[in-house]
Amino acid sequence: MNDIATDFSRFYDRACQRKGGESAMLARMPKVTPAGELKQLDDRSILSTITRCIFRAGFVWRIIEAKWPGFEEAFKGFVPLYWQQVPPEILEELSKDERIVRNQQKINTVPANARMIVEVSEKYGSFGQFLAQWPSSQQAELLHYLKKNGSRLGGVTPQYVLRELGWDGFILSNDVVTALTNHKLIDASPTSQKGIKQAQSAFNSWHEQTQLPYSHLSRILSYSVGD
């Protein structure tokens, strides 16, 4: 393991070459939502985003996206205060609802994640305010919190949730893990606490080097992999 992360310029230059130049590469960077806007996120949209990412996991994304208006209708706008204590029979009815993908295990995540959102909102004012005060340099701890307190929020799923919401963080996609592994910056499973913390250390170092957003560092790193 390298104690100090590799100079990020080599990844940056490689990504520029592979994506047709610096301008073309930078045009592909994900949006980072300012803290002030994160604070304004509605808890309903957060539960919706969490649920959408859970349903997309291990499934064809375009099918979930195409059916999502039906999900919004079936889940009545994803109001956390309602779903945190929804009767079991409502969940059973949803397993027969053709407007959604009828996966009972994933349907059952909605009350658990609604409870997490409500509990956080009671303490911080809203889930968005909770996210806005959490530093990107401690993403590993945030991912641990989501896994511990939510449902089916392990692996890369919560990383995609945060990216969808515009929170500035990395995603340990296959390409990112390949780059980290090739440069001996991670030697543990990327889904383990050790592996995530090793990745966090590398991204923290690169952020100090470049002052680039973590989400941009992550995207650039993924673009640097390949022929």
Protein backbone atom coordinates (compact mmCIF):
# COMPACT_ATOMS: atom_id res chain seq x y z
CA MET A 1 0.00 0.00 0.00
CA ASN A 2 1.20 3.50 -0.84
CA ASP A 3 1.15 5.80 2.18
CA ILE A 4 0.63 8.86 -0.02
CA ALA A 5 -1.79 8.88 -2.93
CA THR A 6 -0.29 8.99 -6.40
CA ASP A 7 -0.03 12.42 -8.02
CA PHE A 8 -3.45 12.97 -9.59
CA SER A 9 -2.07 14.67 -12.70
CA ARG A 10 -1.34 11.31 -14.32
CA PHE A 11 -4.99 10.31 -14.02
CA TYR A 12 -6.16 13.73 -15.20
CA ASP A 13 -3.92 13.68 -18.28
CA ARG A 14 -4.94 10.11 -19.12
CA ALA A 15 -8.64 10.96 -18.82
CA CYS A 16 -8.21 13.98 -21.10
CA GLN A 17 -6.53 11.81 -23.72
CA ARG A 18 -9.24 9.17 -23.58
CA LYS A 19 -12.17 11.61 -23.71
CA GLY A 20 -11.03 13.85 -26.55
CA GLY A 21 -9.29 16.65 -24.69
CA GLU A 22 -9.69 18.62 -21.48
CA SER A 23 -12.81 20.56 -22.51
CA ALA A 24 -14.65 17.43 -23.63
CA MET A 25 -13.67 15.61 -20.47
CA LEU A 26 -14.68 18.45 -18.13
CA ALA A 27 -18.05 18.74 -19.87
CA ARG A 28 -18.86 15.28 -18.50
CA MET A 29 -18.40 16.18 -14.84
CA PRO A 30 -21.34 15.56 -12.47
CA LYS A 31 -23.19 18.46 -10.87
CA VAL A 32 -22.31 19.30 -7.28
CA THR A 33 -25.19 20.83 -5.33
CA PRO A 34 -24.14 23.77 -3.11
CA ALA A 35 -24.73 23.31 0.62
CA GLY A 36 -27.44 25.96 0.58
CA GLU A 37 -29.39 24.01 -2.03
CA LEU A 38 -28.81 20.68 -0.29
CA LYS A 39 -30.47 22.13 2.80
CA GLN A 40 -33.57 22.87 0.74
CA LEU A 41 -34.04 19.30 -0.52
CA ASP A 42 -37.46 17.94 0.33
CA ASP A 43 -37.49 14.75 2.41
CA ARG A 44 -39.96 13.25 -0.07
CA SER A 45 -37.51 13.65 -2.93
CA ILE A 46 -34.79 12.07 -0.81
CA LEU A 47 -36.91 8.98 -0.04
CA SER A 48 -37.80 8.80 -3.73
CA THR A 49 -34.13 8.97 -4.75
CA ILE A 50 -33.11 6.33 -2.21
CA THR A 51 -35.87 4.01 -3.41
CA ARG A 52 -35.05 4.55 -7.08
CA CYS A 53 -31.38 3.69 -6.51
CA ILE A 54 -32.34 0.58 -4.53
CA PHE A 55 -34.64 -0.63 -7.31
CA ARG A 56 -32.00 0.09 -9.95
CA ALA A 57 -29.39 -2.01 -8.13
CA GLY A 58 -28.92 -5.29 -9.99
CA PHE A 59 -31.62 -4.36 -12.50
CA VAL A 60 -31.82 -2.65 -15.89
CA TRP A 61 -31.70 1.05 -15.06
CA ARG A 62 -33.68 2.22 -18.08
CA ILE A 63 -36.65 0.05 -17.07
CA ILE A 64 -36.77 1.63 -13.61
CA GLU A 65 -36.44 5.12 -15.07
CA ALA A 66 -39.22 4.46 -17.58
CA LYS A 67 -41.54 3.17 -14.85
CA TRP A 68 -40.65 5.81 -12.27
CA PRO A 69 -43.77 7.99 -12.76
CA GLY A 70 -45.73 4.87 -11.85
CA PHE A 71 -43.60 4.40 -8.74
CA GLU A 72 -44.34 7.98 -7.68
CA GLU A 73 -48.05 7.32 -8.03
CA ALA A 74 -47.98 3.94 -6.29
CA PHE A 75 -45.94 5.27 -3.38
CA LYS A 76 -48.13 8.40 -3.09
CA GLY A 77 -45.26 10.86 -3.48
CA PHE A 78 -42.94 9.13 -0.99
CA VAL A 79 -44.01 11.10 2.09
CA PRO A 80 -41.69 9.80 4.86
CA LEU A 81 -44.12 10.51 7.71
CA TYR A 82 -46.68 8.25 6.03
CA TRP A 83 -44.36 5.46 4.94
CA GLN A 84 -42.50 5.15 8.25
CA GLN A 85 -45.59 3.55 9.81
CA VAL A 86 -47.47 2.22 6.78
CA PRO A 87 -49.66 -0.85 7.46
CA PRO A 88 -48.21 -4.18 6.25
CA GLU A 89 -51.19 -4.79 4.00
CA ILE A 90 -50.28 -1.70 1.95
CA LEU A 91 -46.87 -3.19 1.26
CA GLU A 92 -48.49 -6.47 0.26
CA GLU A 93 -50.78 -4.64 -2.17
CA LEU A 94 -47.77 -2.96 -3.74
CA SER A 95 -46.28 -6.37 -4.51
CA LYS A 96 -49.19 -6.81 -6.95
CA ASP A 97 -49.13 -3.27 -8.39
CA GLU A 98 -48.21 -3.36 -12.09
CA ARG A 99 -47.13 0.28 -12.04
CA ILE A 100 -43.90 -0.73 -10.29
CA VAL A 101 -41.32 -3.53 -10.30
CA ARG A 102 -42.92 -5.97 -7.86
CA ASN A 103 -39.95 -6.93 -5.72
CA GLN A 104 -41.24 -7.39 -2.18
CA GLN A 105 -37.83 -7.17 -0.52
CA LYS A 106 -37.13 -3.82 -2.14
CA ILE A 107 -40.66 -2.57 -1.46
CA ASN A 108 -40.08 -3.37 2.22
CA THR A 109 -37.10 -1.00 2.33
CA VAL A 110 -39.34 2.06 2.02
CA PRO A 111 -40.68 2.11 5.62
CA ALA A 112 -37.21 1.50 7.08
CA ASN A 113 -35.63 4.28 5.04
CA ALA A 114 -38.57 6.57 5.74
CA ARG A 115 -37.98 6.07 9.48
CA MET A 116 -34.31 6.92 9.04
CA ILE A 117 -35.21 10.13 7.21
CA VAL A 118 -37.81 11.14 9.81
CA GLU A 119 -35.41 10.49 12.71
CA VAL A 120 -32.66 12.53 11.05
CA SER A 121 -35.09 15.34 10.20
CA GLU A 122 -36.29 15.55 13.79
CA LYS A 123 -32.70 16.18 14.87
CA TYR A 124 -31.38 18.34 12.01
CA GLY A 125 -34.52 19.94 10.57
CA SER A 126 -34.39 17.92 7.34
CA PHE A 127 -32.31 15.19 5.78
CA GLY A 128 -30.92 17.75 3.36
CA GLN A 129 -29.58 19.83 6.23
CA PHE A 130 -28.00 16.69 7.67
CA LEU A 131 -26.20 16.02 4.38
CA ALA A 132 -25.17 19.66 3.95
CA GLN A 133 -23.20 19.65 7.21
CA TRP A 134 -21.43 16.35 6.54
CA PRO A 135 -17.94 16.91 5.00
CA SER A 136 -16.88 15.03 1.89
CA SER A 137 -13.61 14.20 3.63
CA GLN A 138 -15.65 11.88 5.87
CA GLN A 139 -17.74 10.10 3.26
CA ALA A 140 -16.69 6.70 4.62
CA GLU A 141 -18.38 7.52 7.92
CA LEU A 142 -21.51 8.76 6.15
CA LEU A 143 -21.73 5.55 4.12
CA HIS A 144 -21.41 3.55 7.34
CA TYR A 145 -24.22 5.60 8.89
CA LEU A 146 -26.53 4.99 5.92
CA LYS A 147 -25.79 1.26 5.90
CA LYS A 148 -26.35 0.95 9.65
CA ASN A 149 -29.52 3.02 9.85
CA GLY A 150 -31.13 2.40 6.45
CA SER A 151 -32.23 -0.66 4.52
CA ARG A 152 -30.29 -2.12 1.56
CA LEU A 153 -27.92 0.84 1.66
CA GLY A 154 -24.67 -1.08 1.44
CA GLY A 155 -22.20 -1.39 -1.43
CA VAL A 156 -22.31 1.32 -4.08
CA THR A 157 -26.06 1.99 -3.75
CA PRO A 158 -25.72 4.80 -1.17
CA GLN A 159 -22.86 6.26 -3.21
CA TYR A 160 -25.24 6.58 -6.16
CA VAL A 161 -27.91 8.05 -3.86
CA LEU A 162 -25.50 10.77 -2.76
CA ARG A 163 -24.45 11.44 -6.36
CA GLU A 164 -28.10 11.70 -7.47
CA LEU A 165 -28.75 14.23 -4.70
CA GLY A 166 -25.69 16.27 -5.70
CA TRP A 167 -23.73 15.61 -2.50
CA ASP A 168 -20.03 15.79 -3.34
CA GLY A 169 -18.58 12.30 -3.04
CA PHE A 170 -16.84 9.46 -4.84
CA ILE A 171 -18.36 6.34 -6.35
CA LEU A 172 -16.37 3.11 -6.16
CA SER A 173 -17.39 1.90 -9.60
CA ASN A 174 -15.51 -0.96 -11.23
CA ASP A 175 -13.26 1.47 -13.15
CA VAL A 176 -12.49 3.53 -10.05
CA VAL A 177 -11.64 0.42 -8.04
CA THR A 178 -9.44 -0.81 -10.90
CA ALA A 179 -7.48 2.45 -10.91
CA LEU A 180 -7.10 2.43 -7.12
CA THR A 181 -6.02 -1.21 -7.10
CA ASN A 182 -3.57 -0.84 -9.99
CA HIS A 183 -1.78 1.95 -8.12
CA LYS A 184 -1.81 0.02 -4.83
CA LEU A 185 -4.03 2.58 -3.11
CA ILE A 186 -6.51 -0.03 -1.97
CA ASP A 187 -5.88 -3.65 -1.02
CA ALA A 188 -9.18 -4.56 0.65
CA SER A 189 -12.66 -5.17 -0.72
CA PRO A 190 -14.19 -1.86 -1.88
CA THR A 191 -17.38 -2.82 -0.03
CA SER A 192 -15.57 -3.29 3.30
CA GLN A 193 -15.01 -0.54 5.84
CA LYS A 194 -11.26 -0.94 5.39
CA GLY A 195 -11.47 -0.63 1.61
CA ILE A 196 -13.76 2.41 1.74
CA LYS A 197 -11.47 4.13 4.23
CA GLN A 198 -8.45 3.41 2.02
CA ALA A 199 -10.29 4.98 -0.92
CA GLN A 200 -11.28 7.93 1.28
CA SER A 201 -7.63 8.52 2.15
CA ALA A 202 -6.66 8.62 -1.53
CA PHE A 203 -9.49 10.99 -2.45
CA ASN A 204 -8.72 13.26 0.51
CA SER A 205 -5.12 13.51 -0.69
CA TRP A 206 -6.18 14.26 -4.26
CA HIS A 207 -8.63 16.89 -3.10
CA GLU A 208 -5.85 18.62 -1.18
CA GLN A 209 -3.63 18.45 -4.28
CA THR A 210 -6.16 19.72 -6.79
CA GLN A 211 -9.03 21.39 -4.89
CA LEU A 212 -11.35 19.58 -7.32
CA PRO A 213 -14.71 18.29 -6.05
CA TYR A 214 -14.65 14.67 -4.92
CA SER A 215 -17.27 13.73 -7.49
CA HIS A 216 -15.08 15.18 -10.25
CA LEU A 217 -12.03 13.32 -8.97
CA SER A 218 -14.06 10.12 -9.01
CA ARG A 219 -15.34 10.65 -12.55
CA ILE A 220 -11.88 11.59 -13.86
CA LEU A 221 -10.37 8.53 -12.21
CA SER A 222 -12.94 6.28 -13.93
CA TYR A 223 -12.15 7.89 -17.30
CA SER A 224 -8.45 7.17 -16.87
CA VAL A 225 -8.98 3.41 -17.06
CA GLY A 226 -8.91 1.50 -20.34
CA ASP A 227 -7.02 1.38 -23.60
